[in-house]
Amino acid sequence: MQLLRRQFITIALQALSSLACTSAIAQTAATDWPKTKPVTVVVGFAAGAFTDNVARIVAQKLGETTGGTFVVDNKAGAGGNIATGIVKRAPADGYTILVHSVAYAVNPSLYANAGYDALKDFAPLALGPRTPNIITVNPATPAKDLKELIELAKREKLSYASSGIGTTTHLSVERLKVAAKVDITHVPYQPAAAINAVVAGHTPMSSTSMPPAVPQIKAGRIRAIAVTSAKRSSLLPDVPSVTEFGFSDFDDYTWVGFFLPAGTPQALVDRINAEINKAMELADTRVKFVALGMESERNTSAEFGKFLRTEVDKWASVVKSTGAKAE
C-alpha cells in the first residue's frame, strides 16, 4: 500500500511538473510573438475584396505596433474554403492567421463539404469590423421604401443582384422574401459587380454590403431602401432598418473575423487578440474602416466565440429554410 501511495504521488508530481512546463512554454511563446519569424496572414478572398482591405489595414498596423513582420497571402477560392483548409493544417503557434468573412459561418451549411468545422477547427481570435447589408434600387424603380418595394414585387416580376450565392447579401433577401411572401428572382454576381448591376439598371434592385453601395448612394446613382441590421447604421443614419417595417429577427451583417488553428495556447490567443484590438482602435484605422463603410468594437476571443456560435446557428437555419446551395 505504501509503495502504491509513493507511485501515485510520483505520477502526480510529474503531471504537475509537465503542466507547469507546458504553461511556461505557452507564456514564453506569447511573450516572444511575433519576433520569432514572419506572421502569415492568410486571406480567404482576392486582393481588393473588402476582407483583403481589412486584413491589409490591420496587418500593417500590427507590424508598426509590434515590430514584427506580417505578410498578407491571398488564397481565394470556394468561398474562402481554400484558405480555411490551409490555416487548419498550419502549426498552432500564432504565426498563421486566417482572415475570413461571415462566409466562414455560412459555408459549413452551404457546401456539401466545406472542409472544416467552424466551431472546432479554429480558435476564434477577434471579430473585426462589420457592416450591415443594404437593399438598394435603381432610381428608375418607383418604390421609395421597403413597403413600396414589397408591394411592387407583388404586382410586377422583379429581380435583385447580390454578391453571390450563399453570401449573406443573398440570404438576407431570401429571408425577407419568405417573411413578406413575395417572389423576387435572384441574380448572383461577383461582389464587385453586384452594385454595378443595379446602377446600370440590369436589375431593379440589389442587396450588397455597404462598402460598395455608399459611394453610389451619395452620388445619387442608386437609392437606399433599408439596411438589414436591427438598428440604423451610424454611417447612413437616414436609411431605415428592415425591422422598422415590421420584420423581426433581422440583424444581418457582413463581417470580418480573425482566426487561429485549433490548439493555439490561450495565452497566445489573448496576446494576439489584444494586439489586433489595439490596431483596430487607432484613429487612422477607424477612419479607414469608415471609408469602407465598416465599424469595429473591442472584443475578446471569448466574446467573438459566443458571437460566432450564434452566427453559425442562424445561418444554418437560413440555408435550410431557403434551400440555398453552393454551385
Protein backbone atom coordinates (compact mmCIF):
# COMPACT_ATOMS: atom_id res chain seq x y z
CA MET A 1 0.00 0.00 0.00
CA GLN A 2 2.83 2.37 0.92
CA LEU A 3 4.53 1.63 -2.41
CA LEU A 4 1.35 2.37 -4.35
CA ARG A 5 0.94 5.66 -2.49
CA ARG A 6 4.51 6.70 -3.35
CA GLN A 7 3.98 5.76 -7.00
CA PHE A 8 0.75 7.79 -7.12
CA ILE A 9 2.48 10.81 -5.60
CA THR A 10 5.36 10.50 -8.07
CA ILE A 11 2.99 10.34 -11.05
CA ALA A 12 1.01 13.31 -9.74
CA LEU A 13 4.14 15.39 -9.26
CA GLN A 14 5.34 14.50 -12.76
CA ALA A 15 1.96 15.54 -14.20
CA LEU A 16 2.06 18.85 -12.33
CA SER A 17 5.63 19.44 -13.48
CA SER A 18 4.65 18.72 -17.09
CA LEU A 19 1.66 21.05 -16.83
CA ALA A 20 3.79 23.82 -15.37
CA CYS A 21 6.37 23.33 -18.09
CA THR A 22 3.70 23.47 -20.83
CA SER A 23 2.22 26.62 -19.30
CA ALA A 24 5.65 28.24 -19.12
CA ILE A 25 6.35 27.40 -22.77
CA ALA A 26 2.98 28.84 -23.81
CA GLN A 27 3.62 32.02 -21.83
CA THR A 28 7.07 32.39 -23.38
CA ALA A 29 5.59 31.93 -26.87
CA ALA A 30 3.02 34.64 -26.14
CA THR A 31 5.71 36.99 -24.86
CA ASP A 32 8.02 36.38 -27.85
CA TRP A 33 5.29 36.70 -30.50
CA PRO A 34 5.75 37.95 -33.23
CA LYS A 35 9.54 38.26 -33.11
CA THR A 36 10.47 34.62 -33.89
CA LYS A 37 9.53 34.67 -37.60
CA PRO A 38 7.19 36.44 -40.06
CA VAL A 39 3.46 36.09 -39.47
CA THR A 40 1.48 34.90 -42.50
CA VAL A 41 -1.97 36.47 -42.75
CA VAL A 42 -4.00 34.18 -44.99
CA VAL A 43 -7.00 35.92 -46.60
CA GLY A 44 -9.85 33.84 -48.00
CA PHE A 45 -10.53 36.22 -50.88
CA ALA A 46 -8.76 38.00 -53.71
CA ALA A 47 -6.79 41.22 -53.40
CA GLY A 48 -9.12 44.22 -53.41
CA ALA A 49 -12.04 42.45 -51.72
CA PHE A 50 -13.24 44.13 -48.54
CA THR A 51 -11.89 41.22 -46.44
CA ASP A 52 -8.50 41.75 -48.04
CA ASN A 53 -8.68 45.50 -47.45
CA VAL A 54 -9.33 44.94 -43.75
CA ALA A 55 -6.57 42.33 -43.49
CA ARG A 56 -4.03 44.67 -45.05
CA ILE A 57 -5.02 47.63 -42.85
CA VAL A 58 -4.72 45.55 -39.67
CA ALA A 59 -1.55 43.71 -40.79
CA GLN A 60 0.20 47.00 -41.50
CA LYS A 61 -0.74 48.37 -38.08
CA LEU A 62 0.34 45.15 -36.34
CA GLY A 63 3.71 45.48 -37.98
CA GLU A 64 4.03 49.06 -36.75
CA THR A 65 2.87 48.40 -33.19
CA THR A 66 4.63 45.06 -32.52
CA GLY A 67 7.78 45.40 -34.63
CA GLY A 68 7.02 42.05 -36.28
CA THR A 69 6.74 41.20 -39.98
CA PHE A 70 3.26 40.45 -41.32
CA VAL A 71 2.82 39.06 -44.83
CA VAL A 72 -0.65 39.00 -46.43
CA ASP A 73 -1.24 35.89 -48.55
CA ASN A 74 -4.43 35.77 -50.63
CA LYS A 75 -5.82 32.25 -51.09
CA ALA A 76 -9.10 32.90 -52.86
CA GLY A 77 -11.50 30.20 -53.98
CA ALA A 78 -14.53 28.14 -52.93
CA GLY A 79 -15.97 30.99 -50.90
CA GLY A 80 -12.91 31.10 -48.65
CA ASN A 81 -12.74 27.33 -48.07
CA ILE A 82 -9.29 27.03 -49.66
CA ALA A 83 -7.85 29.45 -47.12
CA THR A 84 -9.52 27.71 -44.19
CA GLY A 85 -8.01 24.39 -45.28
CA ILE A 86 -4.53 25.91 -45.37
CA VAL A 87 -4.76 27.50 -41.93
CA LYS A 88 -6.50 24.48 -40.41
CA ARG A 89 -3.38 22.42 -41.19
CA ALA A 90 -0.91 25.11 -40.05
CA PRO A 91 1.04 24.89 -36.77
CA ALA A 92 -0.86 26.32 -33.80
CA ASP A 93 1.94 28.74 -32.95
CA GLY A 94 0.35 32.11 -33.76
CA TYR A 95 2.33 32.61 -36.96
CA THR A 96 -0.51 31.76 -39.35
CA ILE A 97 -3.67 33.87 -39.03
CA LEU A 98 -6.83 33.34 -41.07
CA VAL A 99 -8.83 36.40 -42.11
CA HIS A 100 -12.30 35.46 -43.33
CA SER A 101 -15.73 36.98 -43.78
CA VAL A 102 -19.15 35.97 -42.48
CA ALA A 103 -18.91 33.22 -45.12
CA TYR A 104 -16.83 31.37 -42.53
CA ALA A 105 -20.03 30.85 -40.51
CA VAL A 106 -22.21 30.13 -43.56
CA ASN A 107 -20.07 27.73 -45.60
CA PRO A 108 -20.32 24.59 -43.41
CA SER A 109 -24.09 24.62 -44.06
CA LEU A 110 -23.92 25.88 -47.62
CA TYR A 111 -21.34 23.43 -49.01
CA ALA A 112 -21.71 19.65 -49.07
CA ASN A 113 -18.17 19.53 -47.68
CA ALA A 114 -16.65 22.84 -46.66
CA GLY A 115 -13.66 21.01 -45.20
CA TYR A 116 -13.86 22.40 -41.68
CA ASP A 117 -15.98 22.64 -38.57
CA ALA A 118 -16.48 26.33 -37.79
CA LEU A 119 -16.65 25.74 -34.03
CA LYS A 120 -13.99 23.06 -33.57
CA ASP A 121 -11.19 23.50 -36.11
CA PHE A 122 -10.21 27.08 -35.27
CA ALA A 123 -9.68 29.29 -32.26
CA PRO A 124 -11.78 32.46 -32.61
CA LEU A 125 -9.26 35.26 -32.33
CA ALA A 126 -11.09 38.57 -32.82
CA LEU A 127 -14.13 39.97 -34.56
CA GLY A 128 -13.04 42.69 -36.95
CA PRO A 129 -15.17 45.46 -38.47
CA ARG A 130 -18.65 44.75 -39.73
CA THR A 131 -21.29 46.38 -41.87
CA PRO A 132 -25.00 45.80 -42.35
CA ASN A 133 -26.14 44.59 -45.72
CA ILE A 134 -28.16 47.15 -47.62
CA ILE A 135 -31.02 46.92 -50.10
CA THR A 136 -30.86 49.50 -52.88
CA VAL A 137 -32.79 50.22 -56.07
CA ASN A 138 -32.13 51.91 -59.38
CA PRO A 139 -33.58 55.47 -59.34
CA ALA A 140 -35.99 54.47 -62.13
CA THR A 141 -37.64 51.97 -59.77
CA PRO A 142 -40.77 53.69 -58.37
CA ALA A 143 -40.51 52.22 -54.84
CA LYS A 144 -39.29 54.77 -52.30
CA ASP A 145 -39.15 52.48 -49.27
CA LEU A 146 -39.27 48.80 -48.35
CA LYS A 147 -43.06 48.70 -48.02
CA GLU A 148 -43.49 50.13 -51.51
CA LEU A 149 -40.85 47.76 -52.87
CA ILE A 150 -42.68 44.73 -51.48
CA GLU A 151 -45.97 45.96 -52.92
CA LEU A 152 -44.26 46.45 -56.27
CA ALA A 153 -42.89 42.91 -56.13
CA LYS A 154 -46.42 41.60 -55.63
CA ARG A 155 -47.57 43.37 -58.80
CA GLU A 156 -44.54 43.02 -61.06
CA LYS A 157 -41.79 40.48 -61.68
CA LEU A 158 -38.63 41.86 -60.05
CA SER A 159 -35.06 40.63 -59.79
CA TYR A 160 -32.21 41.53 -57.46
CA ALA A 161 -28.45 41.39 -57.71
CA SER A 162 -26.43 40.01 -54.81
CA SER A 163 -22.76 39.42 -54.09
CA GLY A 164 -23.11 35.70 -54.87
CA ILE A 165 -24.95 32.51 -53.97
CA GLY A 166 -24.82 31.79 -50.27
CA THR A 167 -23.50 35.20 -49.25
CA THR A 168 -25.43 36.97 -46.52
CA THR A 169 -26.43 39.57 -49.12
CA HIS A 170 -28.26 36.73 -50.91
CA LEU A 171 -29.62 35.02 -47.81
CA SER A 172 -30.90 38.26 -46.24
CA VAL A 173 -33.23 38.88 -49.17
CA GLU A 174 -34.28 35.24 -49.27
CA ARG A 175 -35.31 35.59 -45.62
CA LEU A 176 -37.19 38.77 -46.48
CA LYS A 177 -38.97 37.08 -49.39
CA VAL A 178 -40.25 34.33 -47.10
CA ALA A 179 -41.39 36.83 -44.45
CA ALA A 180 -43.07 39.15 -46.97
CA LYS A 181 -44.45 36.32 -49.13
CA VAL A 182 -43.09 37.69 -52.39
CA ASP A 183 -41.10 36.14 -55.21
CA ILE A 184 -38.09 38.11 -56.44
CA THR A 185 -35.62 36.45 -58.80
CA HIS A 186 -32.07 36.17 -57.53
CA VAL A 187 -29.25 37.14 -59.92
CA PRO A 188 -25.84 36.38 -58.37
CA TYR A 189 -22.82 38.49 -59.30
CA GLN A 190 -19.23 38.73 -58.20
CA PRO A 191 -19.16 41.06 -55.16
CA ALA A 192 -17.57 43.98 -57.00
CA ALA A 193 -20.06 43.70 -59.88
CA ALA A 194 -23.31 43.40 -57.93
CA ILE A 195 -23.69 47.09 -57.19
CA ASN A 196 -22.88 47.98 -60.80
CA ALA A 197 -25.79 45.80 -61.93
CA VAL A 198 -28.34 47.99 -60.18
CA VAL A 199 -26.52 51.21 -61.16
CA ALA A 200 -26.72 50.17 -64.82
CA GLY A 201 -30.32 49.03 -64.47
CA HIS A 202 -29.61 45.38 -65.29
CA THR A 203 -31.61 44.58 -62.15
CA PRO A 204 -34.04 46.99 -60.47
CA MET A 205 -32.68 46.23 -57.01
CA SER A 206 -29.64 44.84 -55.24
CA SER A 207 -28.54 43.50 -51.89
CA THR A 208 -24.89 44.15 -51.07
CA SER A 209 -22.67 45.04 -48.16
CA MET A 210 -22.43 48.77 -47.52
CA PRO A 211 -18.87 49.49 -48.72
CA PRO A 212 -19.58 49.35 -52.49
CA ALA A 213 -23.04 50.89 -52.10
CA VAL A 214 -22.33 54.02 -50.05
CA PRO A 215 -20.40 55.96 -52.75
CA GLN A 216 -23.11 55.18 -55.32
CA ILE A 217 -25.86 56.25 -52.91
CA LYS A 218 -24.11 59.53 -52.15
CA ALA A 219 -23.59 60.14 -55.87
CA GLY A 220 -27.32 59.63 -56.49
CA ARG A 221 -26.81 56.68 -58.83
CA ILE A 222 -28.89 54.36 -56.63
CA ARG A 223 -31.43 54.83 -53.85
CA ALA A 224 -31.10 53.21 -50.45
CA ILE A 225 -34.18 51.30 -49.26
CA ALA A 226 -33.19 49.63 -45.99
CA VAL A 227 -30.27 48.18 -44.00
CA THR A 228 -30.57 44.63 -42.69
CA SER A 229 -29.37 45.35 -39.14
CA ALA A 230 -31.80 45.61 -36.24
CA LYS A 231 -30.96 49.31 -35.90
CA ARG A 232 -29.96 52.02 -38.34
CA SER A 233 -26.31 52.35 -39.24
CA SER A 234 -24.48 55.42 -37.98
CA LEU A 235 -22.81 55.57 -41.39
CA LEU A 236 -26.19 56.11 -43.12
CA PRO A 237 -28.48 57.33 -40.31
CA ASP A 238 -31.26 58.40 -42.70
CA VAL A 239 -31.72 54.88 -44.07
CA PRO A 240 -34.26 52.84 -42.08
CA SER A 241 -33.66 49.29 -40.92
CA VAL A 242 -35.69 46.32 -42.12
CA THR A 243 -37.13 45.94 -38.62
CA GLU A 244 -38.76 49.37 -38.87
CA PHE A 245 -41.07 47.89 -41.50
CA GLY A 246 -42.30 45.16 -39.16
CA PHE A 247 -39.83 42.36 -39.95
CA SER A 248 -38.40 40.99 -36.71
CA ASP A 249 -35.23 38.99 -36.08
CA PHE A 250 -33.27 40.77 -38.80
CA ASP A 251 -29.75 41.64 -37.70
CA ASP A 252 -27.66 40.53 -40.65
CA TYR A 253 -24.12 41.78 -41.13
CA THR A 254 -21.19 41.24 -43.39
CA TRP A 255 -18.25 40.96 -41.00
CA VAL A 256 -14.54 40.18 -40.99
CA GLY A 257 -13.08 37.74 -38.46
CA PHE A 258 -9.59 36.67 -37.40
CA PHE A 259 -8.89 33.01 -36.56
CA LEU A 260 -6.03 30.76 -35.43
CA PRO A 261 -5.69 26.97 -35.79
CA ALA A 262 -7.36 24.97 -33.02
CA GLY A 263 -4.96 24.12 -30.22
CA THR A 264 -3.27 27.51 -30.11
CA PRO A 265 -2.43 28.21 -26.41
CA GLN A 266 -4.93 30.57 -24.82
CA ALA A 267 -2.15 32.87 -23.59
CA LEU A 268 -1.06 33.35 -27.19
CA VAL A 269 -4.66 33.84 -28.39
CA ASP A 270 -5.15 36.52 -25.75
CA ARG A 271 -1.89 38.26 -26.65
CA ILE A 272 -2.72 38.44 -30.36
CA ASN A 273 -6.31 39.46 -29.61
CA ALA A 274 -5.01 42.40 -27.57
CA GLU A 275 -2.71 43.49 -30.37
CA ILE A 276 -5.48 43.28 -33.01
CA ASN A 277 -7.82 45.32 -30.81
CA LYS A 278 -5.08 47.89 -30.30
CA ALA A 279 -4.55 48.11 -34.07
CA MET A 280 -8.29 48.48 -34.77
CA GLU A 281 -8.70 51.22 -32.18
CA LEU A 282 -6.08 53.50 -33.70
CA ALA A 283 -7.63 56.70 -35.06
CA ASP A 284 -6.37 56.28 -38.62
CA THR A 285 -7.54 52.66 -38.67
CA ARG A 286 -11.04 53.74 -37.70
CA VAL A 287 -11.01 56.38 -40.44
CA LYS A 288 -10.07 53.72 -42.99
CA PHE A 289 -12.80 51.39 -41.74
CA VAL A 290 -15.41 54.16 -42.01
CA ALA A 291 -14.24 54.86 -45.56
CA LEU A 292 -15.02 51.20 -46.27
CA GLY A 293 -18.45 51.58 -44.69
CA MET A 294 -17.48 49.45 -41.69
CA GLU A 295 -17.20 49.87 -37.91
CA SER A 296 -15.46 47.83 -35.22
CA GLU A 297 -15.71 47.35 -31.46
CA ARG A 298 -13.21 45.95 -28.95
CA ASN A 299 -13.92 42.29 -28.21
CA THR A 300 -12.26 39.31 -26.52
CA SER A 301 -11.74 35.92 -28.11
CA ALA A 302 -14.46 34.53 -25.81
CA GLU A 303 -16.92 37.22 -26.94
CA PHE A 304 -16.11 36.50 -30.57
CA GLY A 305 -16.60 32.79 -29.91
CA LYS A 306 -20.05 33.43 -28.45
CA PHE A 307 -20.98 35.66 -31.40
CA LEU A 308 -19.68 33.02 -33.81
CA ARG A 309 -21.84 30.25 -32.32
CA THR A 310 -24.90 32.45 -32.79
CA GLU A 311 -23.94 33.22 -36.40
CA VAL A 312 -23.30 29.56 -37.29
CA ASP A 313 -26.70 28.52 -35.91
CA LYS A 314 -28.55 31.41 -37.52
CA TRP A 315 -27.14 30.92 -41.00
CA ALA A 316 -27.54 27.13 -40.82
CA SER A 317 -31.24 27.73 -40.19
CA VAL A 318 -31.48 30.22 -43.05
CA VAL A 319 -29.67 27.94 -45.51
CA LYS A 320 -32.01 25.10 -44.56
CA SER A 321 -35.20 27.16 -44.82
CA THR A 322 -34.26 28.78 -48.14
CA GLY A 323 -32.71 25.70 -49.74
CA ALA A 324 -29.60 27.65 -50.76
CA LYS A 325 -26.68 25.58 -52.02
CA ALA A 326 -23.21 26.42 -53.33
CA GLU A 327 -22.82 25.65 -57.02
